[in-house]
mmCIF file of all heavy atoms, coordinates in Angstrom:
data_MODEL
# 
_entry.id   MODEL 
# 
loop_
_atom_site.group_PDB 
_atom_site.id 
_atom_site.type_symbol 
_atom_site.label_atom_id 
_atom_site.label_alt_id 
_atom_site.label_comp_id 
_atom_site.label_asym_id 
_atom_site.label_entity_id 
_atom_site.label_seq_id 
_atom_site.pdbx_PDB_ins_code 
_atom_site.Cartn_x 
_atom_site.Cartn_y 
_atom_site.Cartn_z 
_atom_site.occupancy 
_atom_site.B_iso_or_equiv 
_atom_site.pdbx_formal_charge 
_atom_site.auth_seq_id 
_atom_site.auth_comp_id 
_atom_site.auth_asym_id 
_atom_site.auth_atom_id 
_atom_site.pdbx_PDB_model_num 
ATOM 1   N N   . TRP A 1 1  ? -3.611 0.456  45.483 1.00 0.00 ? 1  TRP A N   1 
ATOM 2   C CA  . TRP A 1 1  ? -2.994 0.391  44.140 1.00 0.00 ? 1  TRP A CA  1 
ATOM 3   C C   . TRP A 1 1  ? -2.380 1.816  43.887 1.00 0.00 ? 1  TRP A C   1 
ATOM 4   O O   . TRP A 1 1  ? -3.071 2.822  44.161 1.00 0.00 ? 1  TRP A O   1 
ATOM 5   C CB  . TRP A 1 1  ? -4.044 0.080  43.105 1.00 0.00 ? 1  TRP A CB  1 
ATOM 6   C CG  . TRP A 1 1  ? -4.468 -1.395 43.198 1.00 0.00 ? 1  TRP A CG  1 
ATOM 7   C CD1 . TRP A 1 1  ? -3.930 -2.421 42.436 1.00 0.00 ? 1  TRP A CD1 1 
ATOM 8   C CD2 . TRP A 1 1  ? -5.546 -1.898 43.933 1.00 0.00 ? 1  TRP A CD2 1 
ATOM 9   N NE1 . TRP A 1 1  ? -4.572 -3.550 42.758 1.00 0.00 ? 1  TRP A NE1 1 
ATOM 10  C CE2 . TRP A 1 1  ? -5.590 -3.282 43.689 1.00 0.00 ? 1  TRP A CE2 1 
ATOM 11  C CE3 . TRP A 1 1  ? -6.428 -1.371 44.884 1.00 0.00 ? 1  TRP A CE3 1 
ATOM 12  C CZ2 . TRP A 1 1  ? -6.482 -4.136 44.316 1.00 0.00 ? 1  TRP A CZ2 1 
ATOM 13  C CZ3 . TRP A 1 1  ? -7.333 -2.185 45.529 1.00 0.00 ? 1  TRP A CZ3 1 
ATOM 14  C CH2 . TRP A 1 1  ? -7.347 -3.592 45.227 1.00 0.00 ? 1  TRP A CH2 1 
ATOM 15  N N   . HIS A 1 2  ? -1.153 1.802  43.413 1.00 0.00 ? 2  HIS A N   1 
ATOM 16  C CA  . HIS A 1 2  ? -0.364 3.045  43.299 1.00 0.00 ? 2  HIS A CA  1 
ATOM 17  C C   . HIS A 1 2  ? 0.257  3.096  41.876 1.00 0.00 ? 2  HIS A C   1 
ATOM 18  O O   . HIS A 1 2  ? 0.807  2.127  41.409 1.00 0.00 ? 2  HIS A O   1 
ATOM 19  C CB  . HIS A 1 2  ? 0.721  3.014  44.377 1.00 0.00 ? 2  HIS A CB  1 
ATOM 20  C CG  . HIS A 1 2  ? 1.865  3.982  44.187 1.00 0.00 ? 2  HIS A CG  1 
ATOM 21  N ND1 . HIS A 1 2  ? 3.168  3.598  44.268 1.00 0.00 ? 2  HIS A ND1 1 
ATOM 22  C CD2 . HIS A 1 2  ? 1.838  5.312  43.838 1.00 0.00 ? 2  HIS A CD2 1 
ATOM 23  C CE1 . HIS A 1 2  ? 3.918  4.692  44.060 1.00 0.00 ? 2  HIS A CE1 1 
ATOM 24  N NE2 . HIS A 1 2  ? 3.138  5.715  43.789 1.00 0.00 ? 2  HIS A NE2 1 
ATOM 25  N N   . ILE A 1 3  ? 0.128  4.243  41.258 1.00 0.00 ? 3  ILE A N   1 
ATOM 26  C CA  . ILE A 1 3  ? 0.730  4.525  39.946 1.00 0.00 ? 3  ILE A CA  1 
ATOM 27  C C   . ILE A 1 3  ? 1.691  5.660  40.071 1.00 0.00 ? 3  ILE A C   1 
ATOM 28  O O   . ILE A 1 3  ? 1.323  6.804  40.477 1.00 0.00 ? 3  ILE A O   1 
ATOM 29  C CB  . ILE A 1 3  ? -0.345 4.858  38.873 1.00 0.00 ? 3  ILE A CB  1 
ATOM 30  C CG1 . ILE A 1 3  ? -1.344 3.675  38.762 1.00 0.00 ? 3  ILE A CG1 1 
ATOM 31  C CG2 . ILE A 1 3  ? 0.337  5.065  37.500 1.00 0.00 ? 3  ILE A CG2 1 
ATOM 32  C CD1 . ILE A 1 3  ? -2.507 3.953  37.765 1.00 0.00 ? 3  ILE A CD1 1 
ATOM 33  N N   . ASP A 1 4  ? 2.932  5.394  39.771 1.00 0.00 ? 4  ASP A N   1 
ATOM 34  C CA  . ASP A 1 4  ? 4.012  6.404  39.871 1.00 0.00 ? 4  ASP A CA  1 
ATOM 35  C C   . ASP A 1 4  ? 4.133  6.989  38.454 1.00 0.00 ? 4  ASP A C   1 
ATOM 36  O O   . ASP A 1 4  ? 4.568  6.267  37.531 1.00 0.00 ? 4  ASP A O   1 
ATOM 37  C CB  . ASP A 1 4  ? 5.264  5.657  40.310 1.00 0.00 ? 4  ASP A CB  1 
ATOM 38  C CG  . ASP A 1 4  ? 6.510  6.544  40.383 1.00 0.00 ? 4  ASP A CG  1 
ATOM 39  O OD1 . ASP A 1 4  ? 6.365  7.694  40.748 1.00 0.00 ? 4  ASP A OD1 1 
ATOM 40  O OD2 . ASP A 1 4  ? 7.631  6.068  40.000 1.00 0.00 ? 4  ASP A OD2 1 
ATOM 41  N N   . CYS A 1 5  ? 3.848  8.298  38.306 1.00 0.00 ? 5  CYS A N   1 
ATOM 42  C CA  . CYS A 1 5  ? 3.616  8.913  36.975 1.00 0.00 ? 5  CYS A CA  1 
ATOM 43  C C   . CYS A 1 5  ? 4.795  9.679  36.501 1.00 0.00 ? 5  CYS A C   1 
ATOM 44  O O   . CYS A 1 5  ? 5.278  10.568 37.159 1.00 0.00 ? 5  CYS A O   1 
ATOM 45  C CB  . CYS A 1 5  ? 2.417  9.817  36.990 1.00 0.00 ? 5  CYS A CB  1 
ATOM 46  S SG  . CYS A 1 5  ? 0.872  8.955  37.553 1.00 0.00 ? 5  CYS A SG  1 
ATOM 47  N N   . HIS A 1 6  ? 5.300  9.327  35.295 1.00 0.00 ? 6  HIS A N   1 
ATOM 48  C CA  . HIS A 1 6  ? 6.455  10.010 34.656 1.00 0.00 ? 6  HIS A CA  1 
ATOM 49  C C   . HIS A 1 6  ? 6.201  10.236 33.173 1.00 0.00 ? 6  HIS A C   1 
ATOM 50  O O   . HIS A 1 6  ? 5.201  9.796  32.610 1.00 0.00 ? 6  HIS A O   1 
ATOM 51  C CB  . HIS A 1 6  ? 7.691  9.061  34.825 1.00 0.00 ? 6  HIS A CB  1 
ATOM 52  C CG  . HIS A 1 6  ? 8.074  8.723  36.166 1.00 0.00 ? 6  HIS A CG  1 
ATOM 53  N ND1 . HIS A 1 6  ? 9.027  9.395  36.848 1.00 0.00 ? 6  HIS A ND1 1 
ATOM 54  C CD2 . HIS A 1 6  ? 7.577  7.824  37.044 1.00 0.00 ? 6  HIS A CD2 1 
ATOM 55  C CE1 . HIS A 1 6  ? 9.215  8.879  38.068 1.00 0.00 ? 6  HIS A CE1 1 
ATOM 56  N NE2 . HIS A 1 6  ? 8.328  7.956  38.198 1.00 0.00 ? 6  HIS A NE2 1 
ATOM 57  N N   . SER A 1 7  ? 7.157  10.930 32.596 1.00 0.00 ? 7  SER A N   1 
ATOM 58  C CA  . SER A 1 7  ? 7.186  11.003 31.080 1.00 0.00 ? 7  SER A CA  1 
ATOM 59  C C   . SER A 1 7  ? 8.561  10.628 30.608 1.00 0.00 ? 7  SER A C   1 
ATOM 60  O O   . SER A 1 7  ? 9.523  10.677 31.329 1.00 0.00 ? 7  SER A O   1 
ATOM 61  C CB  . SER A 1 7  ? 6.842  12.412 30.612 1.00 0.00 ? 7  SER A CB  1 
ATOM 62  O OG  . SER A 1 7  ? 7.800  13.378 30.973 1.00 0.00 ? 7  SER A OG  1 
ATOM 63  N N   . MET A 1 8  ? 8.587  10.204 29.367 1.00 0.00 ? 8  MET A N   1 
ATOM 64  C CA  . MET A 1 8  ? 9.884  9.730  28.820 1.00 0.00 ? 8  MET A CA  1 
ATOM 65  C C   . MET A 1 8  ? 10.156 10.491 27.525 1.00 0.00 ? 8  MET A C   1 
ATOM 66  O O   . MET A 1 8  ? 9.267  10.871 26.763 1.00 0.00 ? 8  MET A O   1 
ATOM 67  C CB  . MET A 1 8  ? 9.806  8.200  28.513 1.00 0.00 ? 8  MET A CB  1 
ATOM 68  C CG  . MET A 1 8  ? 8.611  7.814  27.601 1.00 0.00 ? 8  MET A CG  1 
ATOM 69  S SD  . MET A 1 8  ? 8.514  5.977  27.470 1.00 0.00 ? 8  MET A SD  1 
ATOM 70  C CE  . MET A 1 8  ? 7.052  5.867  26.481 1.00 0.00 ? 8  MET A CE  1 
ATOM 71  N N   . PRO A 1 9  ? 11.451 10.692 27.199 1.00 0.00 ? 9  PRO A N   1 
ATOM 72  C CA  . PRO A 1 9  ? 11.824 11.323 25.967 1.00 0.00 ? 9  PRO A CA  1 
ATOM 73  C C   . PRO A 1 9  ? 11.317 10.533 24.749 1.00 0.00 ? 9  PRO A C   1 
ATOM 74  O O   . PRO A 1 9  ? 11.228 9.327  24.845 1.00 0.00 ? 9  PRO A O   1 
ATOM 75  C CB  . PRO A 1 9  ? 13.346 11.385 25.978 1.00 0.00 ? 9  PRO A CB  1 
ATOM 76  C CG  . PRO A 1 9  ? 13.716 11.219 27.388 1.00 0.00 ? 9  PRO A CG  1 
ATOM 77  C CD  . PRO A 1 9  ? 12.655 10.359 28.027 1.00 0.00 ? 9  PRO A CD  1 
ATOM 78  N N   . SER A 1 10 ? 11.040 11.233 23.682 1.00 0.00 ? 10 SER A N   1 
ATOM 79  C CA  . SER A 1 10 ? 10.526 10.559 22.469 1.00 0.00 ? 10 SER A CA  1 
ATOM 80  C C   . SER A 1 10 ? 11.681 9.875  21.722 1.00 0.00 ? 10 SER A C   1 
ATOM 81  O O   . SER A 1 10 ? 11.396 9.080  20.798 1.00 0.00 ? 10 SER A O   1 
ATOM 82  C CB  . SER A 1 10 ? 9.788  11.528 21.566 1.00 0.00 ? 10 SER A CB  1 
ATOM 83  O OG  . SER A 1 10 ? 10.684 12.542 21.168 1.00 0.00 ? 10 SER A OG  1 
ATOM 84  N N   . LYS A 1 11 ? 12.907 10.168 22.028 1.00 0.00 ? 11 LYS A N   1 
ATOM 85  C CA  . LYS A 1 11 ? 14.061 9.534  21.447 1.00 0.00 ? 11 LYS A CA  1 
ATOM 86  C C   . LYS A 1 11 ? 14.825 8.702  22.497 1.00 0.00 ? 11 LYS A C   1 
ATOM 87  O O   . LYS A 1 11 ? 15.033 9.200  23.599 1.00 0.00 ? 11 LYS A O   1 
ATOM 88  C CB  . LYS A 1 11 ? 14.986 10.559 20.808 1.00 0.00 ? 11 LYS A CB  1 
ATOM 89  C CG  . LYS A 1 11 ? 14.412 11.263 19.555 1.00 0.00 ? 11 LYS A CG  1 
ATOM 90  C CD  . LYS A 1 11 ? 15.411 12.172 18.931 1.00 0.00 ? 11 LYS A CD  1 
ATOM 91  C CE  . LYS A 1 11 ? 14.829 12.857 17.713 1.00 0.00 ? 11 LYS A CE  1 
ATOM 92  N NZ  . LYS A 1 11 ? 15.779 13.806 17.044 1.00 0.00 ? 11 LYS A NZ  1 
ATOM 93  N N   . MET A 1 12 ? 15.241 7.548  22.101 1.00 0.00 ? 12 MET A N   1 
ATOM 94  C CA  . MET A 1 12 ? 16.047 6.658  22.888 1.00 0.00 ? 12 MET A CA  1 
ATOM 95  C C   . MET A 1 12 ? 17.441 7.251  22.993 1.00 0.00 ? 12 MET A C   1 
ATOM 96  O O   . MET A 1 12 ? 17.852 8.155  22.312 1.00 0.00 ? 12 MET A O   1 
ATOM 97  C CB  . MET A 1 12 ? 16.094 5.260  22.350 1.00 0.00 ? 12 MET A CB  1 
ATOM 98  C CG  . MET A 1 12 ? 14.651 4.670  22.179 1.00 0.00 ? 12 MET A CG  1 
ATOM 99  S SD  . MET A 1 12 ? 13.920 4.191  23.735 1.00 0.00 ? 12 MET A SD  1 
ATOM 100 C CE  . MET A 1 12 ? 14.943 2.664  24.116 1.00 0.00 ? 12 MET A CE  1 
ATOM 101 N N   . TYR A 1 13 ? 18.258 6.585  23.854 1.00 0.00 ? 13 TYR A N   1 
ATOM 102 C CA  . TYR A 1 13 ? 19.632 7.031  24.045 1.00 0.00 ? 13 TYR A CA  1 
ATOM 103 C C   . TYR A 1 13 ? 20.460 6.988  22.797 1.00 0.00 ? 13 TYR A C   1 
ATOM 104 O O   . TYR A 1 13 ? 21.412 7.755  22.617 1.00 0.00 ? 13 TYR A O   1 
ATOM 105 C CB  . TYR A 1 13 ? 20.314 6.236  25.149 1.00 0.00 ? 13 TYR A CB  1 
ATOM 106 C CG  . TYR A 1 13 ? 19.565 6.259  26.438 1.00 0.00 ? 13 TYR A CG  1 
ATOM 107 C CD1 . TYR A 1 13 ? 19.107 5.084  27.033 1.00 0.00 ? 13 TYR A CD1 1 
ATOM 108 C CD2 . TYR A 1 13 ? 19.340 7.500  27.124 1.00 0.00 ? 13 TYR A CD2 1 
ATOM 109 C CE1 . TYR A 1 13 ? 18.421 5.137  28.237 1.00 0.00 ? 13 TYR A CE1 1 
ATOM 110 C CE2 . TYR A 1 13 ? 18.623 7.528  28.341 1.00 0.00 ? 13 TYR A CE2 1 
ATOM 111 C CZ  . TYR A 1 13 ? 18.167 6.338  28.886 1.00 0.00 ? 13 TYR A CZ  1 
ATOM 112 O OH  . TYR A 1 13 ? 17.487 6.385  30.032 1.00 0.00 ? 13 TYR A OH  1 
ATOM 113 N N   . ASP A 1 14 ? 20.170 6.081  21.908 1.00 0.00 ? 14 ASP A N   1 
ATOM 114 C CA  . ASP A 1 14 ? 20.846 5.931  20.614 1.00 0.00 ? 14 ASP A CA  1 
ATOM 115 C C   . ASP A 1 14 ? 20.357 6.857  19.532 1.00 0.00 ? 14 ASP A C   1 
ATOM 116 O O   . ASP A 1 14 ? 20.821 6.739  18.407 1.00 0.00 ? 14 ASP A O   1 
ATOM 117 C CB  . ASP A 1 14 ? 20.878 4.443  20.163 1.00 0.00 ? 14 ASP A CB  1 
ATOM 118 C CG  . ASP A 1 14 ? 19.501 3.942  19.868 1.00 0.00 ? 14 ASP A CG  1 
ATOM 119 O OD1 . ASP A 1 14 ? 18.516 4.679  19.996 1.00 0.00 ? 14 ASP A OD1 1 
ATOM 120 O OD2 . ASP A 1 14 ? 19.341 2.743  19.563 1.00 0.00 ? 14 ASP A OD2 1 
ATOM 121 N N   . GLY A 1 15 ? 19.332 7.629  19.820 1.00 0.00 ? 15 GLY A N   1 
ATOM 122 C CA  . GLY A 1 15 ? 18.800 8.555  18.831 1.00 0.00 ? 15 GLY A CA  1 
ATOM 123 C C   . GLY A 1 15 ? 17.561 8.053  18.120 1.00 0.00 ? 15 GLY A C   1 
ATOM 124 O O   . GLY A 1 15 ? 16.930 8.785  17.439 1.00 0.00 ? 15 GLY A O   1 
ATOM 125 N N   . SER A 1 16 ? 17.278 6.748  18.267 1.00 0.00 ? 16 SER A N   1 
ATOM 126 C CA  . SER A 1 16 ? 16.136 6.183  17.629 1.00 0.00 ? 16 SER A CA  1 
ATOM 127 C C   . SER A 1 16 ? 14.815 6.651  18.367 1.00 0.00 ? 16 SER A C   1 
ATOM 128 O O   . SER A 1 16 ? 14.821 6.956  19.513 1.00 0.00 ? 16 SER A O   1 
ATOM 129 C CB  . SER A 1 16 ? 16.156 4.670  17.600 1.00 0.00 ? 16 SER A CB  1 
ATOM 130 O OG  . SER A 1 16 ? 16.189 4.152  18.930 1.00 0.00 ? 16 SER A OG  1 
ATOM 131 N N   . LEU A 1 17 ? 13.702 6.612  17.586 1.00 0.00 ? 17 LEU A N   1 
ATOM 132 C CA  . LEU A 1 17 ? 12.456 7.048  18.129 1.00 0.00 ? 17 LEU A CA  1 
ATOM 133 C C   . LEU A 1 17 ? 11.871 6.014  19.133 1.00 0.00 ? 17 LEU A C   1 
ATOM 134 O O   . LEU A 1 17 ? 11.972 4.811  18.859 1.00 0.00 ? 17 LEU A O   1 
ATOM 135 C CB  . LEU A 1 17 ? 11.421 7.372  17.064 1.00 0.00 ? 17 LEU A CB  1 
ATOM 136 C CG  . LEU A 1 17 ? 11.667 8.577  16.223 1.00 0.00 ? 17 LEU A CG  1 
ATOM 137 C CD1 . LEU A 1 17 ? 10.628 8.680  15.113 1.00 0.00 ? 17 LEU A CD1 1 
ATOM 138 C CD2 . LEU A 1 17 ? 11.651 9.832  17.078 1.00 0.00 ? 17 LEU A CD2 1 
ATOM 139 N N   . MET A 1 18 ? 11.303 6.478  20.191 1.00 0.00 ? 18 MET A N   1 
ATOM 140 C CA  . MET A 1 18 ? 10.600 5.542  21.128 1.00 0.00 ? 18 MET A CA  1 
ATOM 141 C C   . MET A 1 18 ? 9.371  5.026  20.451 1.00 0.00 ? 18 MET A C   1 
ATOM 142 O O   . MET A 1 18 ? 8.493  5.868  20.039 1.00 0.00 ? 18 MET A O   1 
ATOM 143 C CB  . MET A 1 18 ? 10.275 6.338  22.389 1.00 0.00 ? 18 MET A CB  1 
ATOM 144 C CG  . MET A 1 18 ? 9.307  5.609  23.354 1.00 0.00 ? 18 MET A CG  1 
ATOM 145 S SD  . MET A 1 18 ? 9.903  4.117  23.992 1.00 0.00 ? 18 MET A SD  1 
ATOM 146 C CE  . MET A 1 18 ? 11.286 4.688  25.044 1.00 0.00 ? 18 MET A CE  1 
ATOM 147 N N   . ALA A 1 19 ? 9.199  3.763  20.333 1.00 0.00 ? 19 ALA A N   1 
ATOM 148 C CA  . ALA A 1 19 ? 8.112  3.225  19.571 1.00 0.00 ? 19 ALA A CA  1 
ATOM 149 C C   . ALA A 1 19 ? 6.776  3.180  20.421 1.00 0.00 ? 19 ALA A C   1 
ATOM 150 O O   . ALA A 1 19 ? 5.715  3.307  19.843 1.00 0.00 ? 19 ALA A O   1 
ATOM 151 C CB  . ALA A 1 19 ? 8.422  1.788  19.205 1.00 0.00 ? 19 ALA A CB  1 
ATOM 152 N N   . ALA A 1 20 ? 6.904  3.087  21.729 1.00 0.00 ? 20 ALA A N   1 
ATOM 153 C CA  . ALA A 1 20 ? 5.746  2.984  22.586 1.00 0.00 ? 20 ALA A CA  1 
ATOM 154 C C   . ALA A 1 20 ? 5.160  4.367  22.948 1.00 0.00 ? 20 ALA A C   1 
ATOM 155 O O   . ALA A 1 20 ? 5.896  5.379  23.056 1.00 0.00 ? 20 ALA A O   1 
ATOM 156 C CB  . ALA A 1 20 ? 6.092  2.252  23.845 1.00 0.00 ? 20 ALA A CB  1 
ATOM 157 N N   . ASP A 1 21 ? 3.864  4.426  23.142 1.00 0.00 ? 21 ASP A N   1 
ATOM 158 C CA  . ASP A 1 21 ? 3.225  5.620  23.694 1.00 0.00 ? 21 ASP A CA  1 
ATOM 159 C C   . ASP A 1 21 ? 3.330  5.634  25.206 1.00 0.00 ? 21 ASP A C   1 
ATOM 160 O O   . ASP A 1 21 ? 3.475  6.662  25.802 1.00 0.00 ? 21 ASP A O   1 
ATOM 161 C CB  . ASP A 1 21 ? 1.739  5.629  23.313 1.00 0.00 ? 21 ASP A CB  1 
ATOM 162 C CG  . ASP A 1 21 ? 1.586  5.662  21.793 1.00 0.00 ? 21 ASP A CG  1 
ATOM 163 O OD1 . ASP A 1 21 ? 2.345  6.425  21.081 1.00 0.00 ? 21 ASP A OD1 1 
ATOM 164 O OD2 . ASP A 1 21 ? 0.618  5.031  21.283 1.00 0.00 ? 21 ASP A OD2 1 
ATOM 165 N N   . PHE A 1 22 ? 3.202  4.452  25.795 1.00 0.00 ? 22 PHE A N   1 
ATOM 166 C CA  . PHE A 1 22 ? 3.332  4.238  27.287 1.00 0.00 ? 22 PHE A CA  1 
ATOM 167 C C   . PHE A 1 22 ? 4.219  3.073  27.552 1.00 0.00 ? 22 PHE A C   1 
ATOM 168 O O   . PHE A 1 22 ? 4.152  2.067  26.825 1.00 0.00 ? 22 PHE A O   1 
ATOM 169 C CB  . PHE A 1 22 ? 1.977  4.039  27.942 1.00 0.00 ? 22 PHE A CB  1 
ATOM 170 C CG  . PHE A 1 22 ? 1.074  5.218  27.935 1.00 0.00 ? 22 PHE A CG  1 
ATOM 171 C CD1 . PHE A 1 22 ? 0.221  5.510  26.826 1.00 0.00 ? 22 PHE A CD1 1 
ATOM 172 C CD2 . PHE A 1 22 ? 0.996  6.106  29.026 1.00 0.00 ? 22 PHE A CD2 1 
ATOM 173 C CE1 . PHE A 1 22 ? -0.559 6.616  26.821 1.00 0.00 ? 22 PHE A CE1 1 
ATOM 174 C CE2 . PHE A 1 22 ? 0.161  7.170  28.997 1.00 0.00 ? 22 PHE A CE2 1 
ATOM 175 C CZ  . PHE A 1 22 ? -0.619 7.446  27.955 1.00 0.00 ? 22 PHE A CZ  1 
ATOM 176 N N   . VAL A 1 23 ? 5.024  3.180  28.612 1.00 0.00 ? 23 VAL A N   1 
ATOM 177 C CA  . VAL A 1 23 ? 5.747  2.071  29.137 1.00 0.00 ? 23 VAL A CA  1 
ATOM 178 C C   . VAL A 1 23 ? 5.334  1.928  30.582 1.00 0.00 ? 23 VAL A C   1 
ATOM 179 O O   . VAL A 1 23 ? 5.363  2.830  31.375 1.00 0.00 ? 23 VAL A O   1 
ATOM 180 C CB  . VAL A 1 23 ? 7.319  2.238  29.094 1.00 0.00 ? 23 VAL A CB  1 
ATOM 181 C CG1 . VAL A 1 23 ? 8.035  1.110  29.776 1.00 0.00 ? 23 VAL A CG1 1 
ATOM 182 C CG2 . VAL A 1 23 ? 7.764  2.387  27.594 1.00 0.00 ? 23 VAL A CG2 1 
ATOM 183 N N   . LEU A 1 24 ? 4.861  0.721  30.929 1.00 0.00 ? 24 LEU A N   1 
ATOM 184 C CA  . LEU A 1 24 ? 4.489  0.357  32.295 1.00 0.00 ? 24 LEU A CA  1 
ATOM 185 C C   . LEU A 1 24 ? 5.631  -0.495 32.936 1.00 0.00 ? 24 LEU A C   1 
ATOM 186 O O   . LEU A 1 24 ? 6.099  -1.445 32.294 1.00 0.00 ? 24 LEU A O   1 
ATOM 187 C CB  . LEU A 1 24 ? 3.220  -0.412 32.368 1.00 0.00 ? 24 LEU A CB  1 
ATOM 188 C CG  . LEU A 1 24 ? 1.988  0.297  31.747 1.00 0.00 ? 24 LEU A CG  1 
ATOM 189 C CD1 . LEU A 1 24 ? 0.769  -0.577 31.826 1.00 0.00 ? 24 LEU A CD1 1 
ATOM 190 C CD2 . LEU A 1 24 ? 1.721  1.629  32.441 1.00 0.00 ? 24 LEU A CD2 1 
ATOM 191 N N   . GLY A 1 25 ? 6.048  -0.128 34.116 1.00 0.00 ? 25 GLY A N   1 
ATOM 192 C CA  . GLY A 1 25 ? 7.119  -0.839 34.764 1.00 0.00 ? 25 GLY A CA  1 
ATOM 193 C C   . GLY A 1 25 ? 6.672  -1.447 36.109 1.00 0.00 ? 25 GLY A C   1 
ATOM 194 O O   . GLY A 1 25 ? 6.256  -0.672 37.007 1.00 0.00 ? 25 GLY A O   1 
ATOM 195 N N   . ASP A 1 26 ? 6.824  -2.731 36.237 1.00 0.00 ? 26 ASP A N   1 
ATOM 196 C CA  . ASP A 1 26 ? 6.471  -3.376 37.518 1.00 0.00 ? 26 ASP A CA  1 
ATOM 197 C C   . ASP A 1 26 ? 7.679  -4.175 38.068 1.00 0.00 ? 26 ASP A C   1 
ATOM 198 O O   . ASP A 1 26 ? 7.489  -5.071 38.856 1.00 0.00 ? 26 ASP A O   1 
ATOM 199 C CB  . ASP A 1 26 ? 5.260  -4.254 37.421 1.00 0.00 ? 26 ASP A CB  1 
ATOM 200 C CG  . ASP A 1 26 ? 5.387  -5.397 36.435 1.00 0.00 ? 26 ASP A CG  1 
ATOM 201 O OD1 . ASP A 1 26 ? 6.541  -5.663 35.965 1.00 0.00 ? 26 ASP A OD1 1 
ATOM 202 O OD2 . ASP A 1 26 ? 4.372  -6.082 36.075 1.00 0.00 ? 26 ASP A OD2 1 
# 
């Protein structure tokens, strides 16, 4: 099992705030 670890900006591309604390992508 492998977790690829990143961070994301707190603002989306349109300037709105990112609502999630974590996003998991599979």
